C-alpha cells in the first residue's frame, strides 16, 4: 500500500479523545489531525515523538490531516487501523501469503454471521470458502507483538462467528497484521483481555487458523513483509 501523497513530518503534542491528535509540523504551525485508532496505543503516543501525517484529498473534510506513522526507536510504526485490510488484500492478490494462495476470487466486506462483515472472503473452484478476518497490531512488549491493546468485545464476537463458519464446513483464518518491523513473535495479550484470550484458545481448538505477518514500513509505503510465529 503506497501513500497517494507525500507524508508531512511533525512532532506529537498530544493525543486525546481517542480520535484526535495535536501535531506541531516541522515546517511551522500546529494542526489537529484525525487519529484512526480506537485502541490504547500504549507506548506510541508520547509527546514529542516524530510523526508523519497524510493530507486529506477531500477539501470538505473537517480535519485536513490524518496521523499515519510514528517513529519508535530506530523504526516506524503504522497507527492507522484503516489500512490493514488493503495491505493484506494486496498481498493475497499478489500471492505473497503462502497459506492463502490458490483462490480465484477475493471479495471485501461481505456480510456474514449475525450482522457482521468479513474483511476478505476468498473462494475458488472445488475449495471451501475462506473467511479471513484481519486485526491490526501495534502493541509490543519485550520482543513480541501482542493483541489486543485494550478490551475488544468486537474482536471476541468475530472469533465466535468464525467458529460458526468452520462448523458450517468453511475455512476460517485470523490474520494479525503487525504494523511495525521490530517484533520476532506474536502472542495474545491475555492480561489485557482475558475474555478474548479464552475465545482465541477456543477458536483454535475449533479449527480456526491463526497467522501473523509483520510489515515493512517507510514514509512512502506500508507492505506485508514476513511471517511471525504465533505463540500460545
C-alpha atoms as a PDB file:
ATOM      1  CA  UNK A   1       0.000   0.000   0.000  1.00  0.00           C
ATOM      2  CA  UNK A   2       1.571   3.223  -1.165  1.00  0.00           C
ATOM      3  CA  UNK A   3       0.568   6.562   0.278  1.00  0.00           C
ATOM      4  CA  UNK A   4      -1.037   8.544  -2.541  1.00  0.00           C
ATOM      5  CA  UNK A   5       0.551  11.831  -1.444  1.00  0.00           C
ATOM      6  CA  UNK A   6       3.838  12.701   0.300  1.00  0.00           C
ATOM      7  CA  UNK A   7       3.597  12.487   4.087  1.00  0.00           C
ATOM      8  CA  UNK A   8       4.281  15.586   6.155  1.00  0.00           C
ATOM      9  CA  UNK A   9       6.549  15.317   9.229  1.00  0.00           C
ATOM     10  CA  UNK A  10       5.903  16.791  12.636  1.00  0.00           C
ATOM     11  CA  UNK A  11       6.051  16.201  16.369  1.00  0.00           C
ATOM     12  CA  UNK A  12       3.226  14.887  18.512  1.00  0.00           C
ATOM     13  CA  UNK A  13       1.887  17.365  21.051  1.00  0.00           C
ATOM     14  CA  UNK A  14      -0.861  15.146  22.455  1.00  0.00           C
ATOM     15  CA  UNK A  15      -3.405  12.514  21.523  1.00  0.00           C
ATOM     16  CA  UNK A  16      -6.846  12.941  23.089  1.00  0.00           C
ATOM     17  CA  UNK A  17     -10.479  11.864  22.806  1.00  0.00           C
ATOM     18  CA  UNK A  18      -9.080   8.736  21.114  1.00  0.00           C
ATOM     19  CA  UNK A  19      -9.511  10.085  17.584  1.00  0.00           C
ATOM     20  CA  UNK A  20      -7.741  13.449  17.782  1.00  0.00           C
ATOM     21  CA  UNK A  21      -4.067  14.403  17.900  1.00  0.00           C
ATOM     22  CA  UNK A  22      -2.409  17.797  18.034  1.00  0.00           C
ATOM     23  CA  UNK A  23       0.761  17.953  15.933  1.00  0.00           C
ATOM     24  CA  UNK A  24       3.486  20.570  15.557  1.00  0.00           C
ATOM     25  CA  UNK A  25       4.529  20.494  11.893  1.00  0.00           C
ATOM     26  CA  UNK A  26       8.235  20.612  11.089  1.00  0.00           C
ATOM     27  CA  UNK A  27       7.680  23.451   8.636  1.00  0.00           C
ATOM     28  CA  UNK A  28       5.838  25.524  11.226  1.00  0.00           C
ATOM     29  CA  UNK A  29       2.374  25.701  12.758  1.00  0.00           C
ATOM     30  CA  UNK A  30       0.222  23.384  14.856  1.00  0.00           C
ATOM     31  CA  UNK A  31      -2.610  21.275  13.453  1.00  0.00           C
ATOM     32  CA  UNK A  32      -5.217  18.842  14.738  1.00  0.00           C
ATOM     33  CA  UNK A  33      -5.144  15.503  12.919  1.00  0.00           C
ATOM     34  CA  UNK A  34      -7.538  12.576  12.785  1.00  0.00           C
ATOM     35  CA  UNK A  35      -6.206   9.552  14.673  1.00  0.00           C
ATOM     36  CA  UNK A  36      -7.775   6.490  13.055  1.00  0.00           C
ATOM     37  CA  UNK A  37      -7.079   4.238  16.015  1.00  0.00           C
ATOM     38  CA  UNK A  38      -9.565   3.405  18.812  1.00  0.00           C
ATOM     39  CA  UNK A  39      -7.025   1.447  20.901  1.00  0.00           C
ATOM     40  CA  UNK A  40      -4.865   2.421  23.839  1.00  0.00           C
ATOM     41  CA  UNK A  41      -1.778   2.996  21.623  1.00  0.00           C
ATOM     42  CA  UNK A  42       0.471   2.034  24.535  1.00  0.00           C
ATOM     43  CA  UNK A  43       3.986   3.368  24.006  1.00  0.00           C
ATOM     44  CA  UNK A  44       3.077   5.129  20.763  1.00  0.00           C
ATOM     45  CA  UNK A  45       1.686   8.475  21.868  1.00  0.00           C
ATOM     46  CA  UNK A  46       4.485  10.116  23.854  1.00  0.00           C
ATOM     47  CA  UNK A  47       4.565  13.916  23.469  1.00  0.00           C
ATOM     48  CA  UNK A  48       7.448  14.975  21.251  1.00  0.00           C
ATOM     49  CA  UNK A  49       7.527  11.760  19.196  1.00  0.00           C
ATOM     50  CA  UNK A  50       8.295  12.225  15.469  1.00  0.00           C
ATOM     51  CA  UNK A  51       5.145  11.571  13.426  1.00  0.00           C
ATOM     52  CA  UNK A  52       4.015  11.740   9.799  1.00  0.00           C
ATOM     53  CA  UNK A  53       0.652  12.943   8.513  1.00  0.00           C
ATOM     54  CA  UNK A  54      -1.209  12.409   5.255  1.00  0.00           C
ATOM     55  CA  UNK A  55      -3.185  15.271   3.700  1.00  0.00           C
ATOM     56  CA  UNK A  56      -6.888  14.821   3.067  1.00  0.00           C
ATOM     57  CA  UNK A  57      -7.872  14.706  -0.600  1.00  0.00           C
ATOM     58  CA  UNK A  58     -11.431  15.789   0.159  1.00  0.00           C
ATOM     59  CA  UNK A  59     -11.385  19.584   0.652  1.00  0.00           C
ATOM     60  CA  UNK A  60     -14.689  19.387   2.528  1.00  0.00           C
ATOM     61  CA  UNK A  61     -13.351  17.104   5.246  1.00  0.00           C
ATOM     62  CA  UNK A  62     -13.403  18.689   8.691  1.00  0.00           C
ATOM     63  CA  UNK A  63      -9.843  17.650   9.592  1.00  0.00           C
ATOM     64  CA  UNK A  64      -7.280  18.244   6.878  1.00  0.00           C
ATOM     65  CA  UNK A  65      -4.719  15.760   8.233  1.00  0.00           C
ATOM     66  CA  UNK A  66      -4.572  12.082   9.250  1.00  0.00           C
ATOM     67  CA  UNK A  67      -1.902  10.629  11.532  1.00  0.00           C
ATOM     68  CA  UNK A  68      -0.165   7.736   9.747  1.00  0.00           C
ATOM     69  CA  UNK A  69       3.231   6.896  11.291  1.00  0.00           C
ATOM     70  CA  UNK A  70       5.204   7.389  14.494  1.00  0.00           C
ATOM     71  CA  UNK A  71       8.926   6.825  14.987  1.00  0.00           C
ATOM     72  CA  UNK A  72       9.758   4.432  17.835  1.00  0.00           C
ATOM     73  CA  UNK A  73      13.452   3.806  18.399  1.00  0.00           C
ATOM     74  CA  UNK A  74      15.065   3.297  15.010  1.00  0.00           C
ATOM     75  CA  UNK A  75      11.871   2.203  13.261  1.00  0.00           C
ATOM     76  CA  UNK A  76       8.416   3.279  12.220  1.00  0.00           C
ATOM     77  CA  UNK A  77       5.016   2.111  13.466  1.00  0.00           C
ATOM     78  CA  UNK A  78       1.813   2.457  11.478  1.00  0.00           C
ATOM     79  CA  UNK A  79      -1.045   3.639  13.686  1.00  0.00           C
ATOM     80  CA  UNK A  80      -3.855   3.914  11.123  1.00  0.00           C
ATOM     81  CA  UNK A  81      -6.191   0.942  11.640  1.00  0.00           C
ATOM     82  CA  UNK A  82      -7.913   1.696   8.346  1.00  0.00           C
ATOM     83  CA  UNK A  83      -5.002   0.316   6.298  1.00  0.00           C
ATOM     84  CA  UNK A  84      -4.535  -3.384   7.254  1.00  0.00           C
ATOM     85  CA  UNK A  85      -7.364  -4.731   5.078  1.00  0.00           C
ATOM     86  CA  UNK A  86      -5.904  -3.065   2.000  1.00  0.00           C
ATOM     87  CA  UNK A  87      -2.350  -4.142   2.855  1.00  0.00           C
ATOM     88  CA  UNK A  88      -3.406  -7.774   3.257  1.00  0.00           C
ATOM     89  CA  UNK A  89      -5.708  -7.761   0.218  1.00  0.00           C
ATOM     90  CA  UNK A  90      -2.863  -6.531  -1.984  1.00  0.00           C
ATOM     91  CA  UNK A  91      -0.501  -9.180  -0.588  1.00  0.00           C
ATOM     92  CA  UNK A  92      -3.006 -12.024  -1.014  1.00  0.00           C
ATOM     93  CA  UNK A  93      -3.801 -10.949  -4.575  1.00  0.00           C
ATOM     94  CA  UNK A  94      -0.067 -10.914  -5.353  1.00  0.00           C
ATOM     95  CA  UNK A  95       0.425 -14.421  -3.918  1.00  0.00           C
ATOM     96  CA  UNK A  96       2.639 -13.189  -1.086  1.00  0.00           C
ATOM     97  CA  UNK A  97       0.764 -15.081   1.658  1.00  0.00           C
ATOM     98  CA  UNK A  98       1.628 -18.762   1.012  1.00  0.00           C
ATOM     99  CA  UNK A  99      -1.117 -20.006   3.325  1.00  0.00           C
ATOM    100  CA  UNK A 100      -3.741 -18.239   1.199  1.00  0.00           C
ATOM    101  CA  UNK A 101      -2.685 -18.926  -2.388  1.00  0.00           C
ATOM    102  CA  UNK A 102      -4.876 -20.699  -4.933  1.00  0.00           C
ATOM    103  CA  UNK A 103      -8.151 -18.849  -4.537  1.00  0.00           C
ATOM    104  CA  UNK A 104      -9.624 -17.423  -7.713  1.00  0.00           C
ATOM    105  CA  UNK A 105     -11.762 -14.671  -6.219  1.00  0.00           C
ATOM    106  CA  UNK A 106     -11.298 -12.140  -3.424  1.00  0.00           C
ATOM    107  CA  UNK A 107     -14.148 -10.025  -2.091  1.00  0.00           C
ATOM    108  CA  UNK A 108     -14.097  -7.429   0.668  1.00  0.00           C
ATOM    109  CA  UNK A 109     -16.600  -6.624   3.396  1.00  0.00           C
ATOM    110  CA  UNK A 110     -19.017  -9.483   2.678  1.00  0.00           C
ATOM    111  CA  UNK A 111     -21.953  -9.852   5.068  1.00  0.00           C
ATOM    112  CA  UNK A 112     -21.977 -12.994   7.205  1.00  0.00           C
ATOM    113  CA  UNK A 113     -22.883 -14.242  10.673  1.00  0.00           C
ATOM    114  CA  UNK A 114     -25.006 -12.055  12.905  1.00  0.00           C
ATOM    115  CA  UNK A 115     -24.888  -8.590  11.371  1.00  0.00           C
ATOM    116  CA  UNK A 116     -21.150  -8.713  10.622  1.00  0.00           C
ATOM    117  CA  UNK A 117     -18.930  -8.293   7.581  1.00  0.00           C
ATOM    118  CA  UNK A 118     -15.911 -10.468   6.906  1.00  0.00           C
ATOM    119  CA  UNK A 119     -12.813  -8.490   5.928  1.00  0.00           C
ATOM    120  CA  UNK A 120     -11.941 -10.765   2.996  1.00  0.00           C
ATOM    121  CA  UNK A 121     -13.806 -13.710   1.522  1.00  0.00           C
ATOM    122  CA  UNK A 122     -11.716 -15.987  -0.692  1.00  0.00           C
ATOM    123  CA  UNK A 123     -13.211 -18.650  -2.910  1.00  0.00           C
ATOM    124  CA  UNK A 124     -12.065 -20.998  -5.644  1.00  0.00           C
ATOM    125  CA  UNK A 125     -13.366 -23.959  -7.611  1.00  0.00           C
ATOM    126  CA  UNK A 126     -13.522 -27.097  -5.507  1.00  0.00           C
ATOM    127  CA  UNK A 127     -12.306 -25.426  -2.320  1.00  0.00           C
ATOM    128  CA  UNK A 128     -14.230 -24.392   0.787  1.00  0.00           C
ATOM    129  CA  UNK A 129     -14.746 -20.647   1.056  1.00  0.00           C
ATOM    130  CA  UNK A 130     -12.108 -18.983   3.239  1.00  0.00           C
ATOM    131  CA  UNK A 131     -13.324 -16.365   5.713  1.00  0.00           C
ATOM    132  CA  UNK A 132     -10.397 -14.085   6.524  1.00  0.00           C
ATOM    133  CA  UNK A 133     -10.584 -11.690   9.475  1.00  0.00           C
ATOM    134  CA  UNK A 134      -7.758  -9.144   9.802  1.00  0.00           C
ATOM    135  CA  UNK A 135      -6.674  -7.436  13.016  1.00  0.00           C
ATOM    136  CA  UNK A 136      -4.281  -4.532  13.289  1.00  0.00           C
ATOM    137  CA  UNK A 137      -1.426  -4.983  15.780  1.00  0.00           C
ATOM    138  CA  UNK A 138       0.956  -2.333  17.056  1.00  0.00           C
ATOM    139  CA  UNK A 139       1.499  -3.196  20.732  1.00  0.00           C
ATOM    140  CA  UNK A 140       4.976  -4.516  21.530  1.00  0.00           C
ATOM    141  CA  UNK A 141       6.120  -5.844  24.898  1.00  0.00           C
ATOM    142  CA  UNK A 142       9.587  -7.327  25.068  1.00  0.00           C
ATOM    143  CA  UNK A 143      10.370  -8.808  21.665  1.00  0.00           C
ATOM    144  CA  UNK A 144       6.804  -9.791  20.912  1.00  0.00           C
ATOM    145  CA  UNK A 145       3.860  -8.171  19.193  1.00  0.00           C
ATOM    146  CA  UNK A 146       0.623  -8.533  21.152  1.00  0.00           C
ATOM    147  CA  UNK A 147      -3.103  -8.163  20.536  1.00  0.00           C
ATOM    148  CA  UNK A 148      -5.295  -6.589  21.763  1.00  0.00           C
ATOM    149  CA  UNK A 149      -4.030  -3.407  23.423  1.00  0.00           C
ATOM    150  CA  UNK A 150      -7.428  -2.830  25.075  1.00  0.00           C
ATOM    151  CA  UNK A 151     -10.553  -4.890  25.763  1.00  0.00           C
ATOM    152  CA  UNK A 152     -12.234  -5.820  22.470  1.00  0.00           C
ATOM    153  CA  UNK A 153     -15.742  -7.236  22.714  1.00  0.00           C
ATOM    154  CA  UNK A 154     -15.997  -6.841  18.948  1.00  0.00           C
ATOM    155  CA  UNK A 155     -12.913  -9.000  18.438  1.00  0.00           C
ATOM    156  CA  UNK A 156     -14.342 -11.707  20.684  1.00  0.00           C
ATOM    157  CA  UNK A 157     -17.563 -11.634  18.669  1.00  0.00           C
ATOM    158  CA  UNK A 158     -15.615 -12.114  15.449  1.00  0.00           C
ATOM    159  CA  UNK A 159     -13.900 -15.225  16.804  1.00  0.00           C
ATOM    160  CA  UNK A 160     -17.269 -16.731  17.634  1.00  0.00           C
ATOM    161  CA  UNK A 161     -18.640 -16.022  14.188  1.00  0.00           C
ATOM    162  CA  UNK A 162     -15.575 -17.524  12.522  1.00  0.00           C
ATOM    163  CA  UNK A 163     -16.146 -20.647  14.601  1.00  0.00           C
ATOM    164  CA  UNK A 164     -19.644 -20.885  13.174  1.00  0.00           C
ATOM    165  CA  UNK A 165     -18.196 -20.738   9.648  1.00  0.00           C
ATOM    166  CA  UNK A 166     -15.848 -23.649  10.416  1.00  0.00           C
ATOM    167  CA  UNK A 167     -18.765 -25.633  11.826  1.00  0.00           C
ATOM    168  CA  UNK A 168     -20.611 -24.999   8.549  1.00  0.00           C
ATOM    169  CA  UNK A 169     -17.757 -26.548   6.564  1.00  0.00           C
ATOM    170  CA  UNK A 170     -15.857 -23.425   5.559  1.00  0.00           C
ATOM    171  CA  UNK A 171     -12.279 -22.359   6.253  1.00  0.00           C
ATOM    172  CA  UNK A 172     -11.687 -19.511   8.715  1.00  0.00           C
ATOM    173  CA  UNK A 173      -8.454 -17.600   9.271  1.00  0.00           C
ATOM    174  CA  UNK A 174      -7.449 -14.862  11.709  1.00  0.00           C
ATOM    175  CA  UNK A 175      -4.576 -12.800  10.325  1.00  0.00           C
ATOM    176  CA  UNK A 176      -2.861 -10.417  12.735  1.00  0.00           C
ATOM    177  CA  UNK A 177      -1.024  -7.683  10.841  1.00  0.00           C
ATOM    178  CA  UNK A 178       1.809  -6.058  12.808  1.00  0.00           C
ATOM    179  CA  UNK A 179       2.398  -2.530  11.534  1.00  0.00           C
ATOM    180  CA  UNK A 180       5.993  -2.461  12.744  1.00  0.00           C
ATOM    181  CA  UNK A 181       9.295  -4.197  11.944  1.00  0.00           C
ATOM    182  CA  UNK A 182      10.860  -4.777  15.363  1.00  0.00           C
ATOM    183  CA  UNK A 183       8.996  -7.882  16.622  1.00  0.00           C
ATOM    184  CA  UNK A 184      10.094 -11.512  16.464  1.00  0.00           C
ATOM    185  CA  UNK A 185       6.893 -13.284  17.542  1.00  0.00           C
ATOM    186  CA  UNK A 186       3.197 -12.775  18.298  1.00  0.00           C
ATOM    187  CA  UNK A 187       1.012 -13.636  21.247  1.00  0.00           C
ATOM    188  CA  UNK A 188      -2.381 -12.744  22.709  1.00  0.00           C
ATOM    189  CA  UNK A 189      -2.270 -10.127  25.490  1.00  0.00           C
ATOM    190  CA  UNK A 190      -4.138 -12.318  27.963  1.00  0.00           C
ATOM    191  CA  UNK A 191      -3.656  -9.889  30.844  1.00  0.00           C
ATOM    192  CA  UNK A 192      -5.285  -7.053  28.904  1.00  0.00           C
ATOM    193  CA  UNK A 193      -8.338  -9.014  27.726  1.00  0.00           C
ATOM    194  CA  UNK A 194      -8.742 -12.456  29.370  1.00  0.00           C
ATOM    195  CA  UNK A 195     -12.095 -12.951  27.616  1.00  0.00           C
ATOM    196  CA  UNK A 196     -10.534 -12.526  24.184  1.00  0.00           C
ATOM    197  CA  UNK A 197      -7.699 -14.865  25.158  1.00  0.00           C
ATOM    198  CA  UNK A 198     -10.180 -17.565  26.168  1.00  0.00           C
ATOM    199  CA  UNK A 199     -12.123 -17.067  22.931  1.00  0.00           C
ATOM    200  CA  UNK A 200      -8.896 -17.298  20.910  1.00  0.00           C
ATOM    201  CA  UNK A 201      -7.899 -20.570  22.601  1.00  0.00           C
ATOM    202  CA  UNK A 202     -11.374 -21.990  21.947  1.00  0.00           C
ATOM    203  CA  UNK A 203     -11.320 -20.791  18.341  1.00  0.00           C
ATOM    204  CA  UNK A 204      -8.040 -22.538  17.558  1.00  0.00           C
ATOM    205  CA  UNK A 205      -9.358 -25.751  19.086  1.00  0.00           C
ATOM    206  CA  UNK A 206     -12.380 -25.466  16.781  1.00  0.00           C
ATOM    207  CA  UNK A 207     -10.153 -25.242  13.703  1.00  0.00           C
ATOM    208  CA  UNK A 208      -9.748 -21.515  13.152  1.00  0.00           C
ATOM    209  CA  UNK A 209      -6.265 -20.835  11.798  1.00  0.00           C
ATOM    210  CA  UNK A 210      -4.096 -18.033  13.211  1.00  0.00           C
ATOM    211  CA  UNK A 211      -1.499 -16.258  11.090  1.00  0.00           C
ATOM    212  CA  UNK A 212       0.671 -13.261  11.872  1.00  0.00           C
ATOM    213  CA  UNK A 213       2.698 -11.107   9.493  1.00  0.00           C
ATOM    214  CA  UNK A 214       4.927  -8.123  10.148  1.00  0.00           C
ATOM    215  CA  UNK A 215       5.117  -5.143   7.820  1.00  0.00           C
ATOM    216  CA  UNK A 216       7.860  -3.236   6.081  1.00  0.00           C
ATOM    217  CA  UNK A 217       7.320   0.495   6.571  1.00  0.00           C
ATOM    218  CA  UNK A 218       8.613   3.705   5.061  1.00  0.00           C
ATOM    219  CA  UNK A 219       7.212   7.189   4.592  1.00  0.00           C
ATOM    220  CA  UNK A 220       6.252   6.099   1.065  1.00  0.00           C
ATOM    221  CA  UNK A 221       4.508   2.768   1.683  1.00  0.00           C
ATOM    222  CA  UNK A 222       3.467   0.023   4.122  1.00  0.00           C
ATOM    223  CA  UNK A 223       3.732  -3.525   2.773  1.00  0.00           C
ATOM    224  CA  UNK A 224       3.321  -7.012   4.179  1.00  0.00           C
ATOM    225  CA  UNK A 225       6.773  -8.427   4.917  1.00  0.00           C
ATOM    226  CA  UNK A 226       7.427 -11.646   6.842  1.00  0.00           C
ATOM    227  CA  UNK A 227       5.521 -14.159   8.998  1.00  0.00           C
ATOM    228  CA  UNK A 228       5.876 -14.147  12.770  1.00  0.00           C
ATOM    229  CA  UNK A 229       5.359 -17.297  14.873  1.00  0.00           C
ATOM    230  CA  UNK A 230       2.118 -17.333  16.873  1.00  0.00           C
ATOM    231  CA  UNK A 231       2.860 -18.330  20.486  1.00  0.00           C
ATOM    232  CA  UNK A 232       0.379 -19.795  22.932  1.00  0.00           C
END
